[in-house]
Amino acid sequence: MFTPDREPHPAVAEIKFLMQPVELKPSENYRGNEGQLLVHVAGNSNAEIVLNVKNRYSFSNLSHLVWSWHLVSNRSVDPIRSGCFVLQLNGDTITAVVVLDDVLSRVMLLERRGAVAENSYFLNIRGSLQNKTSWAKSSHVVVAQQLPVAFRFAQPKSTLAQEEQIMQSNESLRMVEDVKSISVYRSSLGDSIPFAIIDKESASLASYAPNGTNLFEIGALQQNFTRAATDNDRGGMELTLNFLQLFGFLQDLYGSICGYEDFSYHSHWKMVGLDQKSPPEVACIRTQLKESQNGDEAIVVAFCTVGQDRVKPLFTLTVSYHFYLDGRVKISNDVFPSKAIRKATSLPRVGLSIKLKKCLTEVKYFGRGPGENYPDRKSGSEMGVYTTSPAEMGYSKYIVPGENGSRTDCEWVSFRSAEGDGLCVLSDRARRCGSSFSCSALLYDAAELHTATHTLPARRDGEHIVHVNIDHKIMGLGGDTSWFPGVYPEYLVSSKDAYKYSVVLVPLEKEDDVALKVYGIPR
């Protein structure tokens, strides 16, 4: 849980949340769907909620804590409003009344500027020490809880006209195909600089230059089904057999008699061809090109296989690239596992990897944070807009390096240079149900993390390629034990299911506000 110099691992935030001594829940009249907190608004100046408070202390009341709240959204790093409240004791029942009148004008403005589905609100509750103690300073946060908020207005709200209109212009897109690639040109950039290039052999997006400069390094944007194994991924029966100095052939004997369920996830990945040392290759079988009549959209559809063997692939894959005049690229992926891979207990991940230029080190995202979190280790990580960098996003102090640095439930993530230009990766809001993704941006590639045997030296932003993972699905970390597979079934990635997902690349210029740029995009 801690490094030798007593620095907490990212998992400590999860432990603290699960063991905190106070729990707050909406009272009956304020409960919405899926754990949402309903805020009923009467007129323009009346909004409050009531929370039920559970004291988990055995021999202490809650008088040593002071309470505050912060309303945050998916539009800004800073809270919309903050305030304080006190607990009310009614017999054995403890409640908290939080008055939100001061936030309504700001919320109404946000609601009028966009569809309701595009705005997300969260109420962050904090319980902090009132006085210094023997183990912590005053204001130390003991209780931290986040509740998703849904506002219900008594009066229907008017809607402002959409701020960003699609401008009519004479600009157009055109595609040029040769033996190795498909190049897409925007008339505003001229005929010498392709807006984007698709590699026909691997169906990867080899270049993305929405403003004339390629934002990708060699290798570009491609499919990703592997991960650098963690120590939990490597723990299994085969290690126990090796520890007992039994010969390797007895592993096969044990597997044939007892089955391979107790073998590590990593051994399963090696057996089916998903080892990070030799990741499966994407082979494009054929491509199909389409253009809209007025030239404002260009579409490339690639039909592919994934694996070392085209005859018996691990997956069949259809990738659709939609190119737009404003520089956006929508990438839709349909992934179908074959029989050859269905015996794996779990896939490591299903997603995309991108190698970005060294200068794109200013990272901002809307998702869970601020620290590392994974599907089975995210309860203590709150939704919000966070700023970070690849050097901060990764965690290089694990004694045994491996997969690290992910942030779950992301709706968008941006990567910018010091000059302010760059790109944003946006979940496909047309498929809002389950459309969020996990994201990491590291200064090490997966091969380095997979083969390293000890803590890697820290790297500095701007000196190394930025290795980005955009994951539709990623397997949990487990950790109940580290010597047998321990990821709970709901956090595995099925090797039998088909996966369909989309992301959108959005170009960013210096003057662009990421949130306004993202939520102003027409569907």
Protein backbone atom coordinates (compact mmCIF):
# COMPACT_ATOMS: atom_id res chain seq x y z
CA MET A 1 0.00 0.00 0.00
CA PHE A 2 2.97 2.35 0.58
CA THR A 3 6.38 2.88 -0.97
CA PRO A 4 9.51 2.36 1.19
CA ASP A 5 9.59 6.14 1.79
CA ARG A 6 5.94 6.00 3.01
CA GLU A 7 4.30 7.54 -0.03
CA PRO A 8 0.80 6.07 -0.43
CA HIS A 9 -0.01 4.05 -3.54
CA PRO A 10 -3.07 5.15 -5.55
CA ALA A 11 -5.10 2.30 -3.98
CA VAL A 12 -4.92 4.02 -0.57
CA ALA A 13 -7.53 6.56 -1.72
CA GLU A 14 -9.91 3.67 -2.34
CA ILE A 15 -9.22 2.14 1.08
CA LYS A 16 -9.77 5.47 2.81
CA PHE A 17 -13.11 5.96 1.08
CA LEU A 18 -14.40 2.46 1.86
CA MET A 19 -13.38 2.72 5.53
CA GLN A 20 -14.41 6.33 6.23
CA PRO A 21 -16.50 6.68 9.42
CA VAL A 22 -19.52 8.54 8.00
CA GLU A 23 -21.90 7.75 5.14
CA LEU A 24 -24.38 10.21 3.58
CA LYS A 25 -27.35 9.24 1.41
CA PRO A 26 -30.26 11.22 -0.04
CA SER A 27 -33.44 11.01 2.04
CA GLU A 28 -36.42 9.30 0.43
CA ASN A 29 -37.93 12.37 -1.26
CA TYR A 30 -34.61 13.28 -2.89
CA ARG A 31 -33.62 9.94 -4.41
CA GLY A 32 -33.45 9.64 -8.18
CA ASN A 33 -32.50 6.88 -10.56
CA GLU A 34 -29.10 5.18 -10.32
CA GLY A 35 -28.19 6.89 -7.05
CA GLN A 36 -28.83 10.42 -8.30
CA LEU A 37 -29.66 13.20 -5.88
CA LEU A 38 -32.85 14.98 -7.00
CA VAL A 39 -32.93 18.76 -6.50
CA HIS A 40 -36.45 20.14 -6.89
CA VAL A 41 -36.40 23.81 -7.92
CA ALA A 42 -39.48 25.96 -7.14
CA GLY A 43 -39.28 29.27 -8.93
CA ASN A 44 -35.82 30.76 -9.16
CA SER A 45 -34.70 30.87 -5.54
CA ASN A 46 -35.69 27.73 -3.68
CA ALA A 47 -33.63 24.56 -3.85
CA GLU A 48 -32.55 22.37 -0.96
CA ILE A 49 -31.84 18.72 -0.32
CA VAL A 50 -31.93 16.55 2.78
CA LEU A 51 -29.30 13.87 3.42
CA ASN A 52 -29.43 11.01 5.89
CA VAL A 53 -26.19 10.67 7.84
CA LYS A 54 -24.90 7.37 9.23
CA ASN A 55 -22.31 7.55 12.03
CA ARG A 56 -20.01 4.52 11.90
CA TYR A 57 -17.99 5.52 14.95
CA SER A 58 -18.49 3.14 17.87
CA PHE A 59 -17.64 5.58 20.67
CA SER A 60 -17.75 9.06 19.18
CA ASN A 61 -20.28 11.56 17.89
CA LEU A 62 -19.59 13.83 14.93
CA SER A 63 -19.00 17.08 16.80
CA HIS A 64 -15.30 17.09 15.90
CA LEU A 65 -16.08 17.53 12.19
CA VAL A 66 -17.06 20.62 10.19
CA TRP A 67 -19.01 20.18 6.96
CA SER A 68 -18.82 21.81 3.54
CA TRP A 69 -20.19 21.21 0.05
CA HIS A 70 -19.01 21.99 -3.47
CA LEU A 71 -21.16 21.76 -6.61
CA VAL A 72 -19.03 20.78 -9.61
CA SER A 73 -19.86 20.13 -13.26
CA ASN A 74 -18.35 18.78 -16.44
CA ARG A 75 -17.72 22.34 -17.68
CA SER A 76 -14.94 23.62 -15.44
CA VAL A 77 -12.14 22.65 -13.08
CA ASP A 78 -13.44 25.10 -10.46
CA PRO A 79 -16.66 24.44 -8.49
CA ILE A 80 -19.82 26.29 -9.49
CA ARG A 81 -20.42 27.23 -5.86
CA SER A 82 -19.29 26.15 -2.38
CA GLY A 83 -20.90 26.41 1.03
CA CYS A 84 -21.20 24.99 4.54
CA PHE A 85 -23.88 23.14 6.50
CA VAL A 86 -24.42 21.67 9.97
CA LEU A 87 -25.81 18.33 11.06
CA GLN A 88 -29.19 18.12 12.75
CA LEU A 89 -29.88 15.52 15.46
CA ASN A 90 -33.48 14.29 15.77
CA GLY A 91 -33.45 11.50 18.36
CA ASP A 92 -31.31 8.74 16.88
CA THR A 93 -31.55 10.19 13.40
CA ILE A 94 -28.91 12.52 11.95
CA THR A 95 -29.74 14.62 8.90
CA ALA A 96 -28.09 17.36 6.89
CA VAL A 97 -29.96 20.10 5.01
CA VAL A 98 -27.98 21.62 2.14
CA VAL A 99 -29.42 24.82 0.66
CA LEU A 100 -28.47 25.33 -2.99
CA ASP A 101 -30.24 28.63 -3.76
CA ASP A 102 -26.98 30.36 -4.68
CA VAL A 103 -26.18 27.89 -7.47
CA LEU A 104 -29.41 28.22 -9.42
CA SER A 105 -28.53 31.22 -11.58
CA ARG A 106 -25.34 29.53 -12.75
CA VAL A 107 -27.07 26.18 -13.35
CA MET A 108 -29.91 27.84 -15.27
CA LEU A 109 -27.37 29.56 -17.52
CA LEU A 110 -25.59 26.29 -18.25
CA GLU A 111 -28.88 24.52 -18.93
CA ARG A 112 -30.01 27.18 -21.37
CA ARG A 113 -26.76 26.94 -23.31
CA GLY A 114 -26.93 23.24 -23.98
CA ALA A 115 -29.09 20.15 -23.90
CA VAL A 116 -29.70 18.76 -20.42
CA ALA A 117 -27.97 15.49 -21.32
CA GLU A 118 -24.74 17.39 -22.01
CA ASN A 119 -24.52 18.87 -18.50
CA SER A 120 -23.46 16.78 -15.52
CA TYR A 121 -23.50 17.98 -11.91
CA PHE A 122 -22.03 16.47 -8.75
CA LEU A 123 -22.31 17.48 -5.10
CA ASN A 124 -19.04 16.92 -3.24
CA ILE A 125 -19.44 16.60 0.54
CA ARG A 126 -16.49 17.13 2.88
CA GLY A 127 -16.21 16.44 6.61
CA SER A 128 -13.00 17.94 8.04
CA LEU A 129 -11.34 18.02 11.46
CA GLN A 130 -12.31 21.11 13.43
CA ASN A 131 -9.21 21.01 15.62
CA LYS A 132 -5.71 19.59 15.45
CA THR A 133 -5.34 16.05 16.80
CA SER A 134 -2.40 13.80 17.65
CA TRP A 135 -2.63 12.17 14.22
CA ALA A 136 -3.66 14.98 11.85
CA LYS A 137 -3.82 18.74 11.44
CA SER A 138 -7.02 20.78 11.60
CA SER A 139 -8.99 20.85 8.32
CA HIS A 140 -7.77 17.33 7.45
CA VAL A 141 -10.51 15.70 5.36
CA VAL A 142 -11.94 12.66 7.14
CA VAL A 143 -15.08 12.20 5.03
CA ALA A 144 -15.31 12.73 1.26
CA GLN A 145 -18.37 11.69 -0.68
CA GLN A 146 -19.75 12.60 -4.09
CA LEU A 147 -23.40 12.44 -5.16
CA PRO A 148 -24.52 12.87 -8.80
CA VAL A 149 -27.17 15.61 -9.01
CA ALA A 150 -30.25 15.94 -11.24
CA PHE A 151 -32.06 19.30 -11.20
CA ARG A 152 -35.85 19.28 -11.64
CA PHE A 153 -37.30 22.69 -12.51
CA ALA A 154 -40.92 23.56 -11.74
CA GLN A 155 -41.08 25.91 -14.74
CA PRO A 156 -39.99 24.79 -18.20
CA LYS A 157 -36.77 26.52 -19.11
CA SER A 158 -36.24 28.44 -22.30
CA THR A 159 -33.38 27.45 -24.57
CA LEU A 160 -30.92 29.89 -26.03
CA ALA A 161 -30.08 29.61 -29.70
CA GLN A 162 -27.11 27.37 -30.30
CA GLU A 163 -24.00 29.46 -29.89
CA GLU A 164 -21.99 27.76 -32.56
CA GLN A 165 -23.59 27.67 -35.99
CA ILE A 166 -22.29 25.60 -38.84
CA MET A 167 -20.80 28.20 -41.18
CA GLN A 168 -21.42 27.84 -44.86
CA SER A 169 -18.21 27.84 -46.89
CA ASN A 170 -16.74 26.68 -50.13
CA GLU A 171 -14.34 24.33 -48.34
CA SER A 172 -14.46 20.65 -49.24
CA LEU A 173 -12.78 17.32 -48.56
CA ARG A 174 -11.27 14.94 -51.06
CA MET A 175 -9.54 11.56 -50.82
CA VAL A 176 -6.52 10.29 -52.69
CA GLU A 177 -5.76 6.54 -52.63
CA ASP A 178 -2.56 4.79 -53.57
CA VAL A 179 -1.12 1.33 -52.92
CA LYS A 180 -0.09 2.01 -49.29
CA SER A 181 -2.37 4.73 -47.97
CA ILE A 182 -5.48 6.85 -48.21
CA SER A 183 -4.91 10.59 -47.80
CA VAL A 184 -7.68 13.03 -46.94
CA TYR A 185 -7.25 16.68 -47.96
CA ARG A 186 -9.07 19.82 -46.82
CA SER A 187 -9.13 22.58 -49.40
CA SER A 188 -8.19 25.16 -46.73
CA LEU A 189 -4.86 23.36 -46.15
CA GLY A 190 -4.06 23.05 -49.85
CA ASP A 191 -2.97 20.00 -51.81
CA SER A 192 0.48 19.64 -50.25
CA ILE A 193 -0.55 18.79 -46.67
CA PRO A 194 -2.95 15.89 -46.00
CA PHE A 195 -5.48 16.51 -43.24
CA ALA A 196 -5.21 12.80 -42.33
CA ILE A 197 -3.56 9.64 -43.65
CA ILE A 198 -4.78 6.06 -43.21
CA ASP A 199 -2.30 3.19 -43.51
CA LYS A 200 -4.00 0.61 -45.75
CA GLU A 201 -1.95 -2.30 -44.40
CA SER A 202 -2.97 -1.88 -40.74
CA ALA A 203 -6.04 0.42 -41.07
CA SER A 204 -4.42 2.74 -38.53
CA LEU A 205 -4.67 6.52 -38.58
CA ALA A 206 -1.04 7.25 -39.45
CA SER A 207 -1.29 11.04 -39.45
CA TYR A 208 -3.66 13.69 -38.07
CA ALA A 209 -2.86 17.27 -39.05
CA PRO A 210 -6.07 19.31 -38.64
CA ASN A 211 -4.13 22.60 -38.66
CA GLY A 212 -1.29 21.58 -40.96
CA THR A 213 1.04 19.99 -38.37
CA ASN A 214 0.91 16.27 -37.62
CA LEU A 215 0.07 15.68 -33.94
CA PHE A 216 1.03 11.98 -34.06
CA GLU A 217 4.37 10.23 -33.75
CA ILE A 218 5.28 7.13 -35.78
CA GLY A 219 2.83 4.32 -35.02
CA ALA A 220 -0.04 6.76 -34.67
CA LEU A 221 -3.53 5.69 -33.66
CA GLN A 222 -4.14 1.96 -33.72
CA GLN A 223 -6.17 -0.83 -32.13
CA ASN A 224 -5.04 -2.09 -28.71
CA PHE A 225 -5.94 -5.41 -27.07
CA THR A 226 -2.99 -5.96 -24.71
CA ARG A 227 -1.55 -4.42 -21.56
CA ALA A 228 1.65 -4.46 -19.54
CA ALA A 229 1.06 -7.22 -16.98
CA THR A 230 0.80 -6.21 -13.32
CA ASP A 231 2.06 -8.42 -10.51
CA ASN A 232 -1.58 -9.44 -9.93
CA ASP A 233 -1.90 -10.40 -13.61
CA ARG A 234 1.15 -12.69 -13.28
CA GLY A 235 0.04 -14.48 -10.10
CA GLY A 236 -1.32 -17.99 -10.66
CA MET A 237 -0.89 -21.73 -10.21
CA GLU A 238 1.97 -21.93 -12.73
CA LEU A 239 4.06 -19.70 -10.44
CA THR A 240 3.30 -21.97 -7.51
CA LEU A 241 4.40 -25.01 -9.51
CA ASN A 242 7.61 -23.26 -10.48
CA PHE A 243 8.21 -22.25 -6.87
CA LEU A 244 7.91 -25.90 -5.88
CA GLN A 245 10.60 -26.63 -8.52
CA LEU A 246 8.31 -28.86 -10.53
CA PHE A 247 9.14 -29.23 -14.20
CA GLY A 248 7.28 -27.16 -16.74
CA PHE A 249 5.57 -30.17 -18.35
CA LEU A 250 3.71 -30.76 -15.07
CA GLN A 251 1.91 -27.47 -15.68
CA ASP A 252 0.25 -29.03 -18.72
CA LEU A 253 -0.51 -32.16 -16.72
CA TYR A 254 -2.07 -30.08 -13.93
CA GLY A 255 -4.06 -28.08 -16.47
CA SER A 256 -5.40 -31.15 -18.24
CA ILE A 257 -6.54 -32.69 -14.94
CA CYS A 258 -7.67 -29.68 -12.89
CA GLY A 259 -8.26 -27.09 -15.61
CA TYR A 260 -6.57 -23.76 -16.19
CA GLU A 261 -8.89 -21.55 -14.13
CA ASP A 262 -6.24 -21.05 -11.43
CA PHE A 263 -3.55 -20.12 -13.94
CA SER A 264 -2.72 -16.41 -14.16
CA TYR A 265 -4.40 -13.98 -16.51
CA HIS A 266 -1.02 -13.39 -18.10
CA SER A 267 -0.61 -17.08 -18.89
CA HIS A 268 -4.06 -17.08 -20.54
CA TRP A 269 -3.08 -14.06 -22.63
CA LYS A 270 0.10 -15.81 -23.77
CA MET A 271 -1.83 -18.97 -24.67
CA VAL A 272 -4.30 -17.15 -26.91
CA GLY A 273 -1.86 -14.65 -28.45
CA LEU A 274 -2.40 -11.49 -26.40
CA ASP A 275 1.04 -11.26 -24.82
CA GLN A 276 2.42 -7.71 -24.69
CA LYS A 277 5.82 -9.00 -25.90
CA SER A 278 4.28 -9.94 -29.26
CA PRO A 279 0.92 -8.15 -29.52
CA PRO A 280 -1.50 -9.21 -32.26
CA GLU A 281 -1.25 -7.40 -35.57
CA VAL A 282 -4.10 -5.73 -37.43
CA ALA A 283 -4.28 -6.69 -41.09
CA CYS A 284 -6.59 -4.74 -43.39
CA ILE A 285 -8.35 -7.02 -45.87
CA ARG A 286 -10.11 -4.34 -47.90
CA THR A 287 -11.24 -0.72 -47.70
CA GLN A 288 -14.31 1.12 -48.90
CA LEU A 289 -14.38 4.86 -49.65
CA LYS A 290 -17.43 7.14 -49.59
CA GLU A 291 -17.91 10.87 -50.09
CA SER A 292 -20.92 13.07 -49.42
CA GLN A 293 -22.39 14.87 -52.41
CA ASN A 294 -21.45 18.35 -51.18
CA GLY A 295 -17.97 17.27 -50.08
CA ASP A 296 -18.40 18.06 -46.37
CA GLU A 297 -17.79 14.49 -45.20
CA ALA A 298 -15.41 11.71 -46.27
CA ILE A 299 -15.76 8.13 -45.03
CA VAL A 300 -13.27 5.28 -45.08
CA VAL A 301 -14.40 1.83 -43.92
CA ALA A 302 -11.71 -0.80 -43.28
CA PHE A 303 -12.44 -4.51 -42.86
CA CYS A 304 -9.69 -6.21 -40.85
CA THR A 305 -8.47 -9.24 -38.98
CA VAL A 306 -6.50 -9.12 -35.72
CA GLY A 307 -3.91 -11.75 -34.83
CA GLN A 308 -0.68 -13.32 -36.03
CA ASP A 309 -2.58 -15.61 -38.43
CA ARG A 310 -5.03 -14.22 -40.99
CA VAL A 311 -6.58 -17.64 -41.52
CA LYS A 312 -7.38 -18.06 -37.81
CA PRO A 313 -7.60 -14.51 -36.43
CA LEU A 314 -8.33 -13.62 -32.82
CA PHE A 315 -10.80 -10.89 -33.84
CA THR A 316 -12.53 -9.62 -36.92
CA LEU A 317 -12.75 -5.84 -36.96
CA THR A 318 -14.53 -3.12 -38.88
CA VAL A 319 -13.19 0.43 -38.48
CA SER A 320 -15.06 3.42 -39.92
CA TYR A 321 -13.37 6.82 -40.20
CA HIS A 322 -15.64 9.83 -40.72
CA PHE A 323 -13.75 13.02 -41.66
CA TYR A 324 -15.43 16.43 -41.35
CA LEU A 325 -14.68 19.92 -42.64
CA ASP A 326 -14.10 21.37 -39.16
CA GLY A 327 -11.22 18.96 -38.56
CA ARG A 328 -13.07 16.34 -36.56
CA VAL A 329 -12.57 12.62 -37.11
CA LYS A 330 -15.10 10.12 -35.80
CA ILE A 331 -13.69 6.60 -35.37
CA SER A 332 -16.22 3.79 -35.00
CA ASN A 333 -15.05 0.29 -34.11
CA ASP A 334 -16.93 -3.01 -34.32
CA VAL A 335 -14.94 -5.82 -32.68
CA PHE A 336 -15.95 -9.49 -32.93
CA PRO A 337 -13.95 -12.14 -31.00
CA SER A 338 -13.36 -15.44 -32.82
CA LYS A 339 -13.55 -18.95 -31.37
CA ALA A 340 -9.77 -18.98 -31.04
CA ILE A 341 -9.83 -16.43 -28.21
CA ARG A 342 -12.99 -17.38 -26.34
CA LYS A 343 -11.16 -19.72 -23.97
CA ALA A 344 -9.38 -16.76 -22.36
CA THR A 345 -10.79 -15.89 -18.93
CA SER A 346 -10.65 -12.17 -19.77
CA LEU A 347 -9.31 -9.80 -22.38
CA PRO A 348 -6.78 -7.25 -21.08
CA ARG A 349 -8.54 -4.37 -22.84
CA VAL A 350 -10.45 -3.28 -25.92
CA GLY A 351 -9.49 0.15 -27.13
CA LEU A 352 -7.11 2.41 -29.01
CA SER A 353 -3.53 3.53 -28.46
CA ILE A 354 -2.07 6.81 -29.70
CA LYS A 355 1.50 8.08 -29.81
CA LEU A 356 1.42 11.86 -29.49
CA LYS A 357 4.15 14.43 -30.02
CA LYS A 358 6.40 15.20 -27.04
CA CYS A 359 5.06 18.74 -26.74
CA LEU A 360 1.43 17.72 -26.00
CA THR A 361 1.91 17.54 -22.24
CA GLU A 362 -0.95 19.69 -20.90
CA VAL A 363 -3.71 17.21 -20.11
CA LYS A 364 -7.25 18.07 -19.06
CA TYR A 365 -10.11 15.59 -18.76
CA PHE A 366 -13.62 15.09 -17.43
CA GLY A 367 -13.74 11.79 -15.57
CA ARG A 368 -12.69 10.27 -12.27
CA GLY A 369 -9.66 11.59 -10.44
CA PRO A 370 -7.43 13.10 -9.43
CA GLY A 371 -5.37 9.91 -8.96
CA GLU A 372 -5.12 6.60 -10.78
CA ASN A 373 -8.31 4.51 -10.82
CA TYR A 374 -9.62 1.38 -12.52
CA PRO A 375 -13.07 -0.25 -12.90
CA ASP A 376 -12.71 -2.19 -9.63
CA ARG A 377 -10.87 0.61 -7.81
CA LYS A 378 -12.73 3.85 -8.47
CA SER A 379 -15.21 4.38 -5.60
CA GLY A 380 -12.81 6.77 -3.89
CA SER A 381 -12.21 8.78 -7.09
CA GLU A 382 -14.65 11.58 -7.77
CA MET A 383 -16.01 12.80 -11.10
CA GLY A 384 -14.73 16.21 -12.12
CA VAL A 385 -12.65 18.22 -14.56
CA TYR A 386 -8.96 17.72 -13.76
CA THR A 387 -5.71 19.10 -15.13
CA THR A 388 -2.55 16.98 -15.12
CA SER A 389 0.41 15.94 -17.28
CA PRO A 390 1.83 12.59 -18.46
CA ALA A 391 4.55 12.72 -15.77
CA GLU A 392 1.85 13.17 -13.09
CA MET A 393 -0.76 10.90 -14.64
CA GLY A 394 1.41 7.79 -14.56
CA TYR A 395 2.61 6.20 -11.34
CA SER A 396 6.24 5.13 -11.71
CA LYS A 397 6.90 4.07 -8.11
CA TYR A 398 5.42 0.58 -8.21
CA ILE A 399 8.20 -1.83 -7.21
CA VAL A 400 7.19 -4.08 -10.11
CA PRO A 401 6.19 -1.89 -13.09
CA GLY A 402 3.11 -2.71 -15.13
CA GLU A 403 -0.18 -1.25 -16.32
CA ASN A 404 -0.84 2.01 -14.46
CA GLY A 405 -2.18 5.55 -14.64
CA SER A 406 -5.70 4.97 -15.98
CA ARG A 407 -8.66 7.30 -15.30
CA THR A 408 -12.13 5.80 -15.69
CA ASP A 409 -15.52 7.18 -16.79
CA CYS A 410 -13.99 9.87 -19.01
CA GLU A 411 -16.24 11.81 -21.35
CA TRP A 412 -13.40 13.77 -22.90
CA VAL A 413 -9.66 14.30 -22.56
CA SER A 414 -7.53 16.99 -24.19
CA PHE A 415 -3.81 17.16 -24.97
CA ARG A 416 -2.26 20.53 -25.66
CA SER A 417 1.17 22.08 -26.10
CA ALA A 418 2.39 25.11 -24.16
CA GLU A 419 1.21 27.24 -27.10
CA GLY A 420 -2.36 25.95 -26.60
CA ASP A 421 -2.91 23.90 -29.77
CA GLY A 422 -3.61 20.18 -29.72
CA LEU A 423 -6.53 17.77 -29.80
CA CYS A 424 -9.37 16.45 -27.69
CA VAL A 425 -10.65 12.87 -27.64
CA LEU A 426 -14.41 12.86 -27.07
CA SER A 427 -16.73 9.95 -26.33
CA ASP A 428 -19.39 9.50 -28.99
CA ARG A 429 -22.30 11.37 -27.41
CA ALA A 430 -24.70 9.91 -29.97
CA ARG A 431 -24.40 6.67 -27.97
CA ARG A 432 -24.59 8.20 -24.51
CA CYS A 433 -25.43 4.92 -22.75
CA GLY A 434 -22.08 3.47 -21.67
CA SER A 435 -20.16 5.78 -24.00
CA SER A 436 -17.50 6.88 -21.49
CA PHE A 437 -13.97 5.53 -21.73
CA SER A 438 -10.88 4.97 -19.60
CA CYS A 439 -7.79 6.98 -20.45
CA SER A 440 -4.10 7.06 -19.59
CA ALA A 441 -1.23 9.18 -20.91
CA LEU A 442 2.24 7.92 -19.96
CA LEU A 443 5.87 8.60 -20.79
CA TYR A 444 6.59 4.86 -21.06
CA ASP A 445 5.22 2.54 -23.70
CA ALA A 446 3.55 -0.73 -22.74
CA ALA A 447 6.53 -2.84 -23.83
CA GLU A 448 8.85 -0.99 -21.44
CA LEU A 449 6.43 -1.43 -18.54
CA HIS A 450 5.86 -5.09 -19.37
CA THR A 451 9.52 -6.14 -19.49
CA ALA A 452 10.83 -4.01 -16.59
CA THR A 453 11.59 -5.95 -13.42
CA HIS A 454 12.05 -3.06 -11.00
CA THR A 455 10.97 0.54 -10.43
CA LEU A 456 11.59 2.68 -13.49
CA PRO A 457 13.33 6.06 -13.25
CA ALA A 458 11.05 9.08 -13.43
CA ARG A 459 10.77 10.87 -16.78
CA ARG A 460 10.13 14.53 -17.49
CA ASP A 461 7.36 16.01 -19.61
CA GLY A 462 8.42 17.25 -23.02
CA GLU A 463 11.36 14.88 -23.37
CA HIS A 464 9.51 11.70 -24.40
CA ILE A 465 6.65 10.60 -26.64
CA VAL A 466 3.25 10.64 -24.93
CA HIS A 467 1.71 7.15 -25.01
CA VAL A 468 -2.09 7.44 -24.76
CA ASN A 469 -4.59 4.65 -24.17
CA ILE A 470 -8.28 5.21 -24.89
CA ASP A 471 -10.05 2.13 -23.54
CA HIS A 472 -13.63 1.16 -24.26
CA LYS A 473 -13.11 -1.72 -21.83
CA ILE A 474 -10.20 -2.52 -19.51
CA MET A 475 -9.91 -5.36 -17.03
CA GLY A 476 -9.83 -4.53 -13.33
CA LEU A 477 -6.73 -4.89 -11.17
CA GLY A 478 -7.91 -7.33 -8.50
CA GLY A 479 -5.75 -7.60 -5.42
CA ASP A 480 -7.59 -9.66 -2.82
CA THR A 481 -4.65 -12.00 -3.31
CA SER A 482 -1.69 -11.63 -5.64
CA TRP A 483 -0.86 -15.32 -6.07
CA PHE A 484 -4.11 -16.40 -7.78
CA PRO A 485 -6.39 -14.66 -10.33
CA GLY A 486 -8.53 -12.36 -8.21
CA VAL A 487 -10.47 -9.93 -10.43
CA TYR A 488 -14.20 -10.17 -9.70
CA PRO A 489 -16.34 -11.41 -12.64
CA GLU A 490 -18.07 -8.05 -13.19
CA TYR A 491 -14.67 -6.41 -13.80
CA LEU A 492 -13.44 -8.91 -16.39
CA VAL A 493 -13.62 -8.16 -20.12
CA SER A 494 -15.53 -10.98 -21.79
CA SER A 495 -13.72 -12.79 -24.58
CA LYS A 496 -17.08 -13.90 -26.02
CA ASP A 497 -18.90 -10.57 -26.44
CA ALA A 498 -18.83 -8.24 -29.44
CA TYR A 499 -17.86 -4.61 -28.74
CA LYS A 500 -19.06 -1.49 -30.56
CA TYR A 501 -17.79 1.95 -29.64
CA SER A 502 -16.86 5.30 -31.14
CA VAL A 503 -14.65 8.25 -30.25
CA VAL A 504 -14.21 11.63 -31.90
CA LEU A 505 -10.95 13.53 -32.41
CA VAL A 506 -11.51 17.28 -32.09
CA PRO A 507 -8.79 19.79 -33.07
CA LEU A 508 -7.95 22.51 -30.55
CA GLU A 509 -6.45 25.92 -31.21
CA LYS A 510 -4.88 28.33 -28.74
CA GLU A 511 -8.03 30.38 -28.09
CA ASP A 512 -10.36 27.37 -27.67
CA ASP A 513 -11.97 26.64 -24.31
CA VAL A 514 -12.11 22.84 -24.23
CA ALA A 515 -15.52 22.54 -22.54
CA LEU A 516 -17.17 25.06 -24.87
CA LYS A 517 -15.52 23.45 -27.88
CA VAL A 518 -16.63 19.96 -26.88
CA TYR A 519 -20.21 20.75 -25.92
CA GLY A 520 -20.75 23.17 -28.78
CA ILE A 521 -20.17 20.45 -31.37
CA PRO A 522 -23.38 19.55 -33.24
CA ARG A 523 -24.45 15.94 -33.02
